[in-house]
PDB file of N, CA and C in Angstrom:
ATOM      1  N   UNK A   1      62.923-143.030 -22.934  1.00  0.00           N
ATOM      2  CA  UNK A   1      62.071-142.339 -22.927  1.00  0.00           C
ATOM      3  C   UNK A   1      62.649-141.444 -23.875  1.00  0.00           C
ATOM      4  N   UNK A   2      61.526-140.729 -24.718  1.00  0.00           N
ATOM      5  CA  UNK A   2      61.926-139.751 -25.422  1.00  0.00           C
ATOM      6  C   UNK A   2      62.057-138.228 -25.124  1.00  0.00           C
ATOM      7  N   UNK A   3      63.571-137.785 -25.087  1.00  0.00           N
ATOM      8  CA  UNK A   3      63.900-136.451 -24.646  1.00  0.00           C
ATOM      9  C   UNK A   3      63.395-135.193 -25.435  1.00  0.00           C
ATOM     10  N   UNK A   4      63.669-134.202 -25.741  1.00  0.00           N
ATOM     11  CA  UNK A   4      63.501-133.194 -26.200  1.00  0.00           C
ATOM     12  C   UNK A   4      64.122-133.239 -27.189  1.00  0.00           C
ATOM     13  N   UNK A   5      65.454-133.484 -26.923  1.00  0.00           N
ATOM     14  CA  UNK A   5      66.449-133.685 -28.050  1.00  0.00           C
ATOM     15  C   UNK A   5      66.084-134.661 -29.026  1.00  0.00           C
ATOM     16  N   UNK A   6      65.716-135.958 -28.617  1.00  0.00           N
ATOM     17  CA  UNK A   6      65.607-136.916 -29.252  1.00  0.00           C
ATOM     18  C   UNK A   6      64.456-136.278 -30.432  1.00  0.00           C
ATOM     19  N   UNK A   7      63.637-135.688 -29.731  1.00  0.00           N
ATOM     20  CA  UNK A   7      62.332-135.160 -30.524  1.00  0.00           C
ATOM     21  C   UNK A   7      62.486-134.545 -31.686  1.00  0.00           C
ATOM     22  N   UNK A   8      63.381-133.737 -31.017  1.00  0.00           N
ATOM     23  CA  UNK A   8      63.989-133.135 -32.650  1.00  0.00           C
ATOM     24  C   UNK A   8      64.677-133.593 -33.558  1.00  0.00           C
ATOM     25  N   UNK A   9      65.521-134.384 -32.931  1.00  0.00           N
ATOM     26  CA  UNK A   9      66.362-135.565 -33.940  1.00  0.00           C
ATOM     27  C   UNK A   9      65.094-136.162 -34.860  1.00  0.00           C
ATOM     28  N   UNK A  10      64.187-137.179 -33.857  1.00  0.00           N
ATOM     29  CA  UNK A  10      63.202-137.843 -35.415  1.00  0.00           C
ATOM     30  C   UNK A  10      62.271-136.721 -35.855  1.00  0.00           C
ATOM     31  N   UNK A  11      62.157-135.630 -35.501  1.00  0.00           N
ATOM     32  CA  UNK A  11      61.126-134.928 -36.380  1.00  0.00           C
ATOM     33  C   UNK A  11      62.017-134.336 -37.408  1.00  0.00           C
ATOM     34  N   UNK A  12      63.312-134.081 -37.857  1.00  0.00           N
ATOM     35  CA  UNK A  12      63.951-133.883 -38.937  1.00  0.00           C
ATOM     36  C   UNK A  12      64.082-135.111 -39.361  1.00  0.00           C
ATOM     37  N   UNK A  13      64.101-136.218 -39.178  1.00  0.00           N
ATOM     38  CA  UNK A  13      64.262-137.579 -40.228  1.00  0.00           C
ATOM     39  C   UNK A  13      62.997-137.952 -40.968  1.00  0.00           C
ATOM     40  N   UNK A  14      61.879-137.606 -39.798  1.00  0.00           N
ATOM     41  CA  UNK A  14      60.242-137.815 -40.317  1.00  0.00           C
ATOM     42  C   UNK A  14      60.494-136.682 -41.497  1.00  0.00           C
ATOM     43  N   UNK A  15      61.049-135.405 -41.192  1.00  0.00           N
ATOM     44  CA  UNK A  15      59.989-134.257 -42.174  1.00  0.00           C
ATOM     45  C   UNK A  15      61.358-134.791 -43.758  1.00  0.00           C
ATOM     46  N   UNK A  16      62.433-135.238 -43.303  1.00  0.00           N
ATOM     47  CA  UNK A  16      63.375-135.237 -44.568  1.00  0.00           C
ATOM     48  C   UNK A  16      62.729-137.004 -45.187  1.00  0.00           C
ATOM     49  N   UNK A  17      61.963-137.942 -44.831  1.00  0.00           N
ATOM     50  CA  UNK A  17      61.863-138.539 -45.266  1.00  0.00           C
ATOM     51  C   UNK A  17      60.230-138.657 -46.042  1.00  0.00           C
ATOM     52  N   UNK A  18      59.753-137.731 -45.237  1.00  0.00           N
ATOM     53  CA  UNK A  18      58.482-137.194 -46.438  1.00  0.00           C
ATOM     54  C   UNK A  18      58.909-136.475 -47.211  1.00  0.00           C
ATOM     55  N   UNK A  19      59.777-135.351 -47.211  1.00  0.00           N
ATOM     56  CA  UNK A  19      60.397-134.913 -48.768  1.00  0.00           C
ATOM     57  C   UNK A  19      60.559-135.725 -49.855  1.00  0.00           C
ATOM     58  N   UNK A  20      61.793-136.854 -49.167  1.00  0.00           N
ATOM     59  CA  UNK A  20      62.064-137.651 -49.950  1.00  0.00           C
ATOM     60  C   UNK A  20      60.826-138.348 -50.604  1.00  0.00           C
ATOM     61  N   UNK A  21      59.789-139.205 -49.799  1.00  0.00           N
ATOM     62  CA  UNK A  21      58.532-139.691 -50.645  1.00  0.00           C
ATOM     63  C   UNK A  21      57.958-138.798 -51.606  1.00  0.00           C
ATOM     64  N   UNK A  22      57.516-137.720 -51.279  1.00  0.00           N
ATOM     65  CA  UNK A  22      56.983-136.794 -52.107  1.00  0.00           C
ATOM     66  C   UNK A  22      57.477-136.547 -53.231  1.00  0.00           C
ATOM     67  N   UNK A  23      59.293-136.402 -53.154  1.00  0.00           N
ATOM     68  CA  UNK A  23      59.820-135.735 -54.674  1.00  0.00           C
ATOM     69  C   UNK A  23      59.592-136.891 -55.351  1.00  0.00           C
ATOM     70  N   UNK A  24      59.742-138.524 -54.929  1.00  0.00           N
ATOM     71  CA  UNK A  24      59.571-139.588 -55.187  1.00  0.00           C
ATOM     72  C   UNK A  24      58.247-140.000 -55.916  1.00  0.00           C
ATOM     73  N   UNK A  25      57.305-139.498 -55.664  1.00  0.00           N
ATOM     74  CA  UNK A  25      56.092-139.778 -56.087  1.00  0.00           C
ATOM     75  C   UNK A  25      55.801-138.531 -57.108  1.00  0.00           C
ATOM     76  N   UNK A  26      56.975-137.590 -57.005  1.00  0.00           N
ATOM     77  CA  UNK A  26      56.572-136.689 -58.204  1.00  0.00           C
ATOM     78  C   UNK A  26      56.917-137.389 -59.713  1.00  0.00           C
ATOM     79  N   UNK A  27      58.201-137.848 -59.377  1.00  0.00           N
ATOM     80  CA  UNK A  27      59.181-138.346 -60.711  1.00  0.00           C
ATOM     81  C   UNK A  27      58.590-139.649 -60.866  1.00  0.00           C
ATOM     82  N   UNK A  28      57.519-140.086 -60.042  1.00  0.00           N
ATOM     83  CA  UNK A  28      56.837-141.443 -60.613  1.00  0.00           C
ATOM     84  C   UNK A  28      55.641-140.669 -61.597  1.00  0.00           C
ATOM     85  N   UNK A  29      55.104-139.626 -61.499  1.00  0.00           N
ATOM     86  CA  UNK A  29      53.943-139.343 -61.958  1.00  0.00           C
ATOM     87  C   UNK A  29      53.610-139.399 -63.652  1.00  0.00           C
ATOM     88  N   UNK A  30      54.197-139.912 -63.994  1.00  0.00           N
ATOM     89  CA  UNK A  30      54.184-140.080 -65.796  1.00  0.00           C
ATOM     90  C   UNK A  30      53.729-141.549 -65.732  1.00  0.00           C
ATOM     91  N   UNK A  31      54.509-142.786 -64.868  1.00  0.00           N
ATOM     92  CA  UNK A  31      54.126-143.910 -64.896  1.00  0.00           C
ATOM     93  C   UNK A  31      52.912-144.162 -64.478  1.00  0.00           C
ATOM     94  N   UNK A  32      52.624-143.290 -63.512  1.00  0.00           N
ATOM     95  CA  UNK A  32      51.069-144.085 -63.056  1.00  0.00           C
ATOM     96  C   UNK A  32      49.684-143.635 -64.361  1.00  0.00           C
ATOM     97  N   UNK A  33      49.909-142.966 -65.399  1.00  0.00           N
ATOM     98  CA  UNK A  33      49.428-142.427 -66.179  1.00  0.00           C
ATOM     99  C   UNK A  33      48.573-143.906 -67.173  1.00  0.00           C
ATOM    100  N   UNK A  34      47.554-143.432 -67.136  1.00  0.00           N
ATOM    101  CA  UNK A  34      46.725-144.841 -68.153  1.00  0.00           C
ATOM    102  C   UNK A  34      47.125-145.202 -69.613  1.00  0.00           C
ATOM    103  N   UNK A  35      47.241-146.033 -69.666  1.00  0.00           N
ATOM    104  CA  UNK A  35      47.881-146.703 -71.200  1.00  0.00           C
ATOM    105  C   UNK A  35      47.112-146.720 -71.834  1.00  0.00           C
ATOM    106  N   UNK A  36      47.635-146.316 -73.352  1.00  0.00           N
ATOM    107  CA  UNK A  36      46.532-146.239 -74.343  1.00  0.00           C
ATOM    108  C   UNK A  36      46.466-147.067 -75.241  1.00  0.00           C
ATOM    109  N   UNK A  37      45.253-146.982 -75.757  1.00  0.00           N
ATOM    110  CA  UNK A  37      44.659-148.261 -76.755  1.00  0.00           C
ATOM    111  C   UNK A  37      45.202-148.519 -78.145  1.00  0.00           C
ATOM    112  N   UNK A  38      45.995-147.790 -78.527  1.00  0.00           N
ATOM    113  CA  UNK A  38      46.627-147.513 -79.683  1.00  0.00           C
ATOM    114  C   UNK A  38      47.688-148.702 -79.805  1.00  0.00           C
ATOM    115  N   UNK A  39      46.981-149.140 -80.481  1.00  0.00           N
ATOM    116  CA  UNK A  39      48.225-150.677 -81.144  1.00  0.00           C
ATOM    117  C   UNK A  39      49.041-150.750 -82.362  1.00  0.00           C
ATOM    118  N   UNK A  40      48.638-149.616 -82.822  1.00  0.00           N
ATOM    119  CA  UNK A  40      49.598-149.237 -83.910  1.00  0.00           C
ATOM    120  C   UNK A  40      51.028-148.973 -83.312  1.00  0.00           C
ATOM    121  N   UNK A  41      50.746-148.116 -82.244  1.00  0.00           N
ATOM    122  CA  UNK A  41      51.929-148.267 -81.852  1.00  0.00           C
ATOM    123  C   UNK A  41      52.833-148.453 -80.761  1.00  0.00           C
ATOM    124  N   UNK A  42      52.075-149.502 -80.088  1.00  0.00           N
ATOM    125  CA  UNK A  42      52.816-150.739 -79.142  1.00  0.00           C
ATOM    126  C   UNK A  42      51.964-151.915 -79.550  1.00  0.00           C
ATOM    127  N   UNK A  43      52.755-153.171 -79.718  1.00  0.00           N
ATOM    128  CA  UNK A  43      52.307-154.163 -79.869  1.00  0.00           C
ATOM    129  C   UNK A  43      51.622-155.039 -78.389  1.00  0.00           C
ATOM    130  N   UNK A  44      50.914-155.709 -78.635  1.00  0.00           N
ATOM    131  CA  UNK A  44      50.043-156.111 -77.132  1.00  0.00           C
ATOM    132  C   UNK A  44      50.693-156.527 -76.201  1.00  0.00           C
ATOM    133  N   UNK A  45      51.730-157.575 -76.492  1.00  0.00           N
ATOM    134  CA  UNK A  45      52.615-157.673 -75.414  1.00  0.00           C
ATOM    135  C   UNK A  45      53.273-156.748 -74.945  1.00  0.00           C
ATOM    136  N   UNK A  46      53.568-155.671 -75.510  1.00  0.00           N
ATOM    137  CA  UNK A  46      54.067-154.073 -74.937  1.00  0.00           C
ATOM    138  C   UNK A  46      53.333-153.545 -73.945  1.00  0.00           C
ATOM    139  N   UNK A  47      52.232-153.464 -74.934  1.00  0.00           N
ATOM    140  CA  UNK A  47      50.719-153.009 -73.923  1.00  0.00           C
ATOM    141  C   UNK A  47      50.492-153.636 -72.303  1.00  0.00           C
ATOM    142  N   UNK A  48      50.510-154.981 -72.828  1.00  0.00           N
ATOM    143  CA  UNK A  48      50.220-155.792 -71.656  1.00  0.00           C
ATOM    144  C   UNK A  48      51.684-155.257 -70.240  1.00  0.00           C
ATOM    145  N   UNK A  49      52.671-155.282 -70.555  1.00  0.00           N
ATOM    146  CA  UNK A  49      53.599-155.042 -69.625  1.00  0.00           C
ATOM    147  C   UNK A  49      53.668-153.444 -69.482  1.00  0.00           C
ATOM    148  N   UNK A  50      53.338-152.838 -70.458  1.00  0.00           N
ATOM    149  CA  UNK A  50      52.888-151.324 -69.851  1.00  0.00           C
ATOM    150  C   UNK A  50      51.775-151.214 -69.227  1.00  0.00           C
ATOM    151  N   UNK A  51      50.820-151.685 -68.918  1.00  0.00           N
ATOM    152  CA  UNK A  51      49.426-151.658 -68.054  1.00  0.00           C
ATOM    153  C   UNK A  51      50.006-152.835 -66.468  1.00  0.00           C
ATOM    154  N   UNK A  52      51.238-153.725 -66.697  1.00  0.00           N
ATOM    155  CA  UNK A  52      51.499-153.953 -65.201  1.00  0.00           C
ATOM    156  C   UNK A  52      52.246-153.078 -64.825  1.00  0.00           C
ATOM    157  N   UNK A  53      53.143-152.346 -65.307  1.00  0.00           N
ATOM    158  CA  UNK A  53      54.112-151.072 -65.138  1.00  0.00           C
ATOM    159  C   UNK A  53      53.273-150.058 -64.458  1.00  0.00           C
ATOM    160  N   UNK A  54      52.127-150.089 -65.094  1.00  0.00           N
ATOM    161  CA  UNK A  54      51.630-148.729 -64.460  1.00  0.00           C
ATOM    162  C   UNK A  54      50.673-149.618 -63.217  1.00  0.00           C
ATOM    163  N   UNK A  55      50.250-150.409 -63.055  1.00  0.00           N
ATOM    164  CA  UNK A  55      49.270-150.917 -61.685  1.00  0.00           C
ATOM    165  C   UNK A  55      50.373-151.101 -60.662  1.00  0.00           C
ATOM    166  N   UNK A  56      51.879-150.986 -61.190  1.00  0.00           N
ATOM    167  CA  UNK A  56      52.864-151.600 -60.341  1.00  0.00           C
ATOM    168  C   UNK A  56      52.987-149.985 -59.829  1.00  0.00           C
ATOM    169  N   UNK A  57      53.216-149.107 -60.718  1.00  0.00           N
ATOM    170  CA  UNK A  57      53.351-147.488 -59.966  1.00  0.00           C
ATOM    171  C   UNK A  57      52.186-147.310 -59.220  1.00  0.00           C
ATOM    172  N   UNK A  58      51.085-147.295 -59.795  1.00  0.00           N
ATOM    173  CA  UNK A  58      50.127-147.218 -59.185  1.00  0.00           C
ATOM    174  C   UNK A  58      49.961-147.447 -57.592  1.00  0.00           C
ATOM    175  N   UNK A  59      50.605-149.114 -57.156  1.00  0.00           N
ATOM    176  CA  UNK A  59      50.713-149.557 -55.629  1.00  0.00           C
ATOM    177  C   UNK A  59      51.330-148.882 -55.132  1.00  0.00           C
ATOM    178  N   UNK A  60      52.628-148.273 -55.931  1.00  0.00           N
ATOM    179  CA  UNK A  60      53.527-148.160 -54.981  1.00  0.00           C
ATOM    180  C   UNK A  60      53.391-146.858 -54.314  1.00  0.00           C
ATOM    181  N   UNK A  61      52.591-145.649 -55.782  1.00  0.00           N
ATOM    182  CA  UNK A  61      52.159-145.018 -55.091  1.00  0.00           C
ATOM    183  C   UNK A  61      51.322-144.286 -53.749  1.00  0.00           C
ATOM    184  N   UNK A  62      50.433-145.754 -53.568  1.00  0.00           N
ATOM    185  CA  UNK A  62      49.643-145.860 -52.623  1.00  0.00           C
ATOM    186  C   UNK A  62      49.990-146.010 -51.397  1.00  0.00           C
ATOM    187  N   UNK A  63      51.548-147.127 -51.542  1.00  0.00           N
ATOM    188  CA  UNK A  63      52.363-147.030 -50.410  1.00  0.00           C
ATOM    189  C   UNK A  63      53.060-146.087 -49.568  1.00  0.00           C
ATOM    190  N   UNK A  64      53.233-145.114 -50.518  1.00  0.00           N
ATOM    191  CA  UNK A  64      54.080-143.915 -50.318  1.00  0.00           C
ATOM    192  C   UNK A  64      53.211-142.920 -49.324  1.00  0.00           C
ATOM    193  N   UNK A  65      51.747-142.651 -50.080  1.00  0.00           N
ATOM    194  CA  UNK A  65      50.852-142.045 -49.179  1.00  0.00           C
ATOM    195  C   UNK A  65      50.274-142.536 -47.963  1.00  0.00           C
ATOM    196  N   UNK A  66      50.702-143.717 -48.086  1.00  0.00           N
ATOM    197  CA  UNK A  66      50.233-144.212 -46.644  1.00  0.00           C
ATOM    198  C   UNK A  66      51.605-144.181 -45.705  1.00  0.00           C
ATOM    199  N   UNK A  67      52.867-143.902 -45.863  1.00  0.00           N
ATOM    200  CA  UNK A  67      53.979-143.854 -45.542  1.00  0.00           C
ATOM    201  C   UNK A  67      54.116-142.526 -44.844  1.00  0.00           C
ATOM    202  N   UNK A  68      53.349-141.343 -45.898  1.00  0.00           N
ATOM    203  CA  UNK A  68      53.116-140.275 -45.296  1.00  0.00           C
ATOM    204  C   UNK A  68      52.170-139.631 -44.198  1.00  0.00           C
ATOM    205  N   UNK A  69      51.208-140.485 -44.947  1.00  0.00           N
ATOM    206  CA  UNK A  69      50.103-140.529 -43.014  1.00  0.00           C
ATOM    207  C   UNK A  69      50.504-141.219 -41.873  1.00  0.00           C
ATOM    208  N   UNK A  70      51.410-142.501 -41.731  1.00  0.00           N
ATOM    209  CA  UNK A  70      51.995-142.373 -40.636  1.00  0.00           C
ATOM    210  C   UNK A  70      53.457-141.539 -40.618  1.00  0.00           C
ATOM    211  N   UNK A  71      53.898-140.866 -41.396  1.00  0.00           N
ATOM    212  CA  UNK A  71      55.208-139.396 -41.025  1.00  0.00           C
ATOM    213  C   UNK A  71      54.086-138.585 -40.377  1.00  0.00           C
ATOM    214  N   UNK A  72      52.803-138.392 -40.900  1.00  0.00           N
ATOM    215  CA  UNK A  72      52.233-137.335 -40.293  1.00  0.00           C
ATOM    216  C   UNK A  72      51.200-137.476 -38.798  1.00  0.00           C
ATOM    217  N   UNK A  73      51.560-138.740 -38.717  1.00  0.00           N
ATOM    218  CA  UNK A  73      50.923-139.327 -37.163  1.00  0.00           C
ATOM    219  C   UNK A  73      52.326-139.239 -36.387  1.00  0.00           C
ATOM    220  N   UNK A  74      53.370-139.788 -36.738  1.00  0.00           N
ATOM    221  CA  UNK A  74      54.608-139.584 -35.944  1.00  0.00           C
ATOM    222  C   UNK A  74      54.722-137.981 -35.531  1.00  0.00           C
ATOM    223  N   UNK A  75      54.788-137.460 -36.715  1.00  0.00           N
ATOM    224  CA  UNK A  75      54.992-135.488 -36.607  1.00  0.00           C
ATOM    225  C   UNK A  75      54.052-135.180 -35.254  1.00  0.00           C
ATOM    226  N   UNK A  76      52.600-135.426 -35.229  1.00  0.00           N
ATOM    227  CA  UNK A  76      51.655-134.926 -34.234  1.00  0.00           C
ATOM    228  C   UNK A  76      52.023-135.633 -33.173  1.00  0.00           C
ATOM    229  N   UNK A  77      52.548-137.023 -32.854  1.00  0.00           N
ATOM    230  CA  UNK A  77      52.460-137.455 -31.760  1.00  0.00           C
ATOM    231  C   UNK A  77      53.555-136.799 -31.483  1.00  0.00           C
ATOM    232  N   UNK A  78      54.651-135.793 -31.870  1.00  0.00           N
ATOM    233  CA  UNK A  78      56.242-135.404 -31.328  1.00  0.00           C
ATOM    234  C   UNK A  78      55.201-133.885 -30.755  1.00  0.00           C
ATOM    235  N   UNK A  79      54.754-133.358 -31.408  1.00  0.00           N
ATOM    236  CA  UNK A  79      53.863-132.035 -31.307  1.00  0.00           C
ATOM    237  C   UNK A  79      53.128-131.787 -29.485  1.00  0.00           C
ATOM    238  N   UNK A  80      52.577-133.721 -29.502  1.00  0.00           N
ATOM    239  CA  UNK A  80      51.568-133.805 -28.176  1.00  0.00           C
ATOM    240  C   UNK A  80      52.429-134.511 -27.211  1.00  0.00           C
ATOM    241  N   UNK A  81      54.027-134.869 -27.539  1.00  0.00           N
ATOM    242  CA  UNK A  81      54.875-135.167 -26.474  1.00  0.00           C
ATOM    243  C   UNK A  81      54.273-136.809 -26.131  1.00  0.00           C
ATOM    244  N   UNK A  82      53.991-137.457 -27.356  1.00  0.00           N
ATOM    245  CA  UNK A  82      53.397-139.043 -26.969  1.00  0.00           C
ATOM    246  C   UNK A  82      54.298-139.549 -27.879  1.00  0.00           C
ATOM    247  N   UNK A  83      55.430-138.965 -28.963  1.00  0.00           N
ATOM    248  CA  UNK A  83      56.251-140.231 -29.616  1.00  0.00           C
ATOM    249  C   UNK A  83      56.977-141.002 -29.166  1.00  0.00           C
ATOM    250  N   UNK A  84      57.408-141.735 -29.671  1.00  0.00           N
ATOM    251  CA  UNK A  84      57.928-142.912 -28.859  1.00  0.00           C
ATOM    252  C   UNK A  84      57.490-143.602 -27.793  1.00  0.00           C
ATOM    253  N   UNK A  85      55.761-143.686 -27.968  1.00  0.00           N
ATOM    254  CA  UNK A  85      55.403-144.789 -26.768  1.00  0.00           C
ATOM    255  C   UNK A  85      54.112-145.676 -27.503  1.00  0.00           C
ATOM    256  N   UNK A  86      54.239-146.640 -27.196  1.00  0.00           N
ATOM    257  CA  UNK A  86      53.826-147.925 -27.968  1.00  0.00           C
ATOM    258  C   UNK A  86      52.163-147.667 -27.628  1.00  0.00           C
ATOM    259  N   UNK A  87      51.453-147.785 -28.905  1.00  0.00           N
ATOM    260  CA  UNK A  87      50.186-147.727 -28.269  1.00  0.00           C
ATOM    261  C   UNK A  87      48.990-148.788 -27.874  1.00  0.00           C
ATOM    262  N   UNK A  88      50.220-149.780 -27.788  1.00  0.00           N
ATOM    263  CA  UNK A  88      49.509-151.021 -27.160  1.00  0.00           C
ATOM    264  C   UNK A  88      49.593-151.213 -25.657  1.00  0.00           C
ATOM    265  N   UNK A  89      50.494-151.075 -25.354  1.00  0.00           N
ATOM    266  CA  UNK A  89      50.783-151.373 -23.817  1.00  0.00           C
ATOM    267  C   UNK A  89      51.159-149.958 -22.523  1.00  0.00           C
ATOM    268  N   UNK A  90      51.746-148.945 -23.830  1.00  0.00           N
ATOM    269  CA  UNK A  90      52.094-147.270 -23.146  1.00  0.00           C
ATOM    270  C   UNK A  90      53.350-147.278 -22.401  1.00  0.00           C
ATOM    271  N   UNK A  91      54.152-148.431 -22.658  1.00  0.00           N
ATOM    272  CA  UNK A  91      55.490-148.277 -22.797  1.00  0.00           C
ATOM    273  C   UNK A  91      56.404-147.772 -23.698  1.00  0.00           C
ATOM    274  N   UNK A  92      57.742-147.397 -23.445  1.00  0.00           N
ATOM    275  CA  UNK A  92      58.249-147.359 -24.091  1.00  0.00           C
ATOM    276  C   UNK A  92      58.433-147.516 -25.407  1.00  0.00           C
ATOM    277  N   UNK A  93      59.163-146.972 -26.695  1.00  0.00           N
ATOM    278  CA  UNK A  93      59.728-147.987 -28.159  1.00  0.00           C
ATOM    279  C   UNK A  93      60.977-147.669 -27.655  1.00  0.00           C
ATOM    280  N   UNK A  94      61.651-148.725 -28.217  1.00  0.00           N
ATOM    281  CA  UNK A  94      63.330-148.460 -27.954  1.00  0.00           C
ATOM    282  C   UNK A  94      63.848-147.774 -28.623  1.00  0.00           C
ATOM    283  N   UNK A  95      64.820-146.707 -28.217  1.00  0.00           N
ATOM    284  CA  UNK A  95      65.087-145.910 -29.431  1.00  0.00           C
ATOM    285  C   UNK A  95      65.979-146.385 -31.126  1.00  0.00           C
ATOM    286  N   UNK A  96      66.911-147.579 -30.219  1.00  0.00           N
ATOM    287  CA  UNK A  96      66.999-148.747 -31.596  1.00  0.00           C
ATOM    288  C   UNK A  96      66.089-149.067 -32.756  1.00  0.00           C
ATOM    289  N   UNK A  97      64.441-149.209 -32.216  1.00  0.00           N
ATOM    290  CA  UNK A  97      63.395-149.387 -33.190  1.00  0.00           C
ATOM    291  C   UNK A  97      63.128-148.404 -33.883  1.00  0.00           C
ATOM    292  N   UNK A  98      63.140-147.105 -33.641  1.00  0.00           N
ATOM    293  CA  UNK A  98      62.807-145.886 -33.710  1.00  0.00           C
ATOM    294  C   UNK A  98      63.758-145.190 -34.497  1.00  0.00           C
ATOM    295  N   UNK A  99      65.246-145.675 -34.472  1.00  0.00           N
ATOM    296  CA  UNK A  99      66.308-145.689 -35.713  1.00  0.00           C
ATOM    297  C   UNK A  99      65.740-145.905 -36.837  1.00  0.00           C
ATOM    298  N   UNK A 100      65.507-147.452 -36.744  1.00  0.00           N
ATOM    299  CA  UNK A 100      64.873-148.174 -37.795  1.00  0.00           C
ATOM    300  C   UNK A 100      63.937-147.504 -38.383  1.00  0.00           C
ATOM    301  N   UNK A 101      62.430-147.112 -38.042  1.00  0.00           N
ATOM    302  CA  UNK A 101      61.997-146.111 -38.471  1.00  0.00           C
ATOM    303  C   UNK A 101      61.016-145.906 -37.755  1.00  0.00           C
ATOM    304  N   UNK A 102      60.982-144.654 -37.926  1.00  0.00           N
ATOM    305  CA  UNK A 102      60.648-143.740 -36.645  1.00  0.00           C
ATOM    306  C   UNK A 102      58.862-143.686 -36.583  1.00  0.00           C
ATOM    307  N   UNK A 103      58.509-144.461 -37.514  1.00  0.00           N
ATOM    308  CA  UNK A 103      57.107-144.085 -37.674  1.00  0.00           C
ATOM    309  C   UNK A 103      56.283-145.467 -37.024  1.00  0.00           C
ATOM    310  N   UNK A 104      57.373-146.070 -36.214  1.00  0.00           N
ATOM    311  CA  UNK A 104      56.694-147.449 -35.649  1.00  0.00           C
ATOM    312  C   UNK A 104      55.708-146.751 -34.484  1.00  0.00           C
ATOM    313  N   UNK A 105      54.586-147.734 -33.957  1.00  0.00           N
ATOM    314  CA  UNK A 105      53.533-146.946 -33.299  1.00  0.00           C
ATOM    315  C   UNK A 105      53.972-148.223 -31.667  1.00  0.00           C
ATOM    316  N   UNK A 106      54.401-149.432 -32.351  1.00  0.00           N
ATOM    317  CA  UNK A 106      54.442-150.412 -30.905  1.00  0.00           C
ATOM    318  C   UNK A 106      55.545-150.783 -30.876  1.00  0.00           C
ATOM    319  N   UNK A 107      56.137-150.960 -29.140  1.00  0.00           N
ATOM    320  CA  UNK A 107      56.814-151.650 -28.710  1.00  0.00           C
ATOM    321  C   UNK A 107      57.759-153.248 -29.785  1.00  0.00           C
ATOM    322  N   UNK A 108      58.495-153.621 -29.182  1.00  0.00           N
ATOM    323  CA  UNK A 108      58.725-155.106 -29.933  1.00  0.00           C
ATOM    324  C   UNK A 108      57.995-156.105 -29.014  1.00  0.00           C
ATOM    325  N   UNK A 109      57.442-156.022 -27.628  1.00  0.00           N
ATOM    326  CA  UNK A 109      57.162-156.773 -27.663  1.00  0.00           C
ATOM    327  C   UNK A 109      55.561-156.983 -27.826  1.00  0.00           C
ATOM    328  N   UNK A 110      55.113-155.756 -28.465  1.00  0.00           N
ATOM    329  CA  UNK A 110      53.232-155.691 -28.748  1.00  0.00           C
ATOM    330  C   UNK A 110      53.601-155.831 -30.315  1.00  0.00           C
ATOM    331  N   UNK A 111      54.539-155.600 -30.844  1.00  0.00           N
ATOM    332  CA  UNK A 111      53.978-155.793 -32.641  1.00  0.00           C
ATOM    333  C   UNK A 111      54.526-157.432 -32.594  1.00  0.00           C
TER     334      UNK A 111
END
């Protein structure tokens, strides 16, 4: 069972995770910009590499936004005193599992 102290602890972890992800997203903003078609400044192979890097940066950004959404859900569950309860069976999620990732919503058996 998650205690009040545990809730505050996990809330701090979740807020730190969110801040870190938002900072990372800010620093990768440049790599998500569209690649210019100007072949005089970069060659065809270099342009293909740049497009691939841009697409990977966009995919990473989407994953970060999903993680932020999951963090927001976990923070909301803390406010509602529902944090650490499996959404599948209603049992408590082990503290060790939440230590690994506090955004988990299922216990080990249901995952």
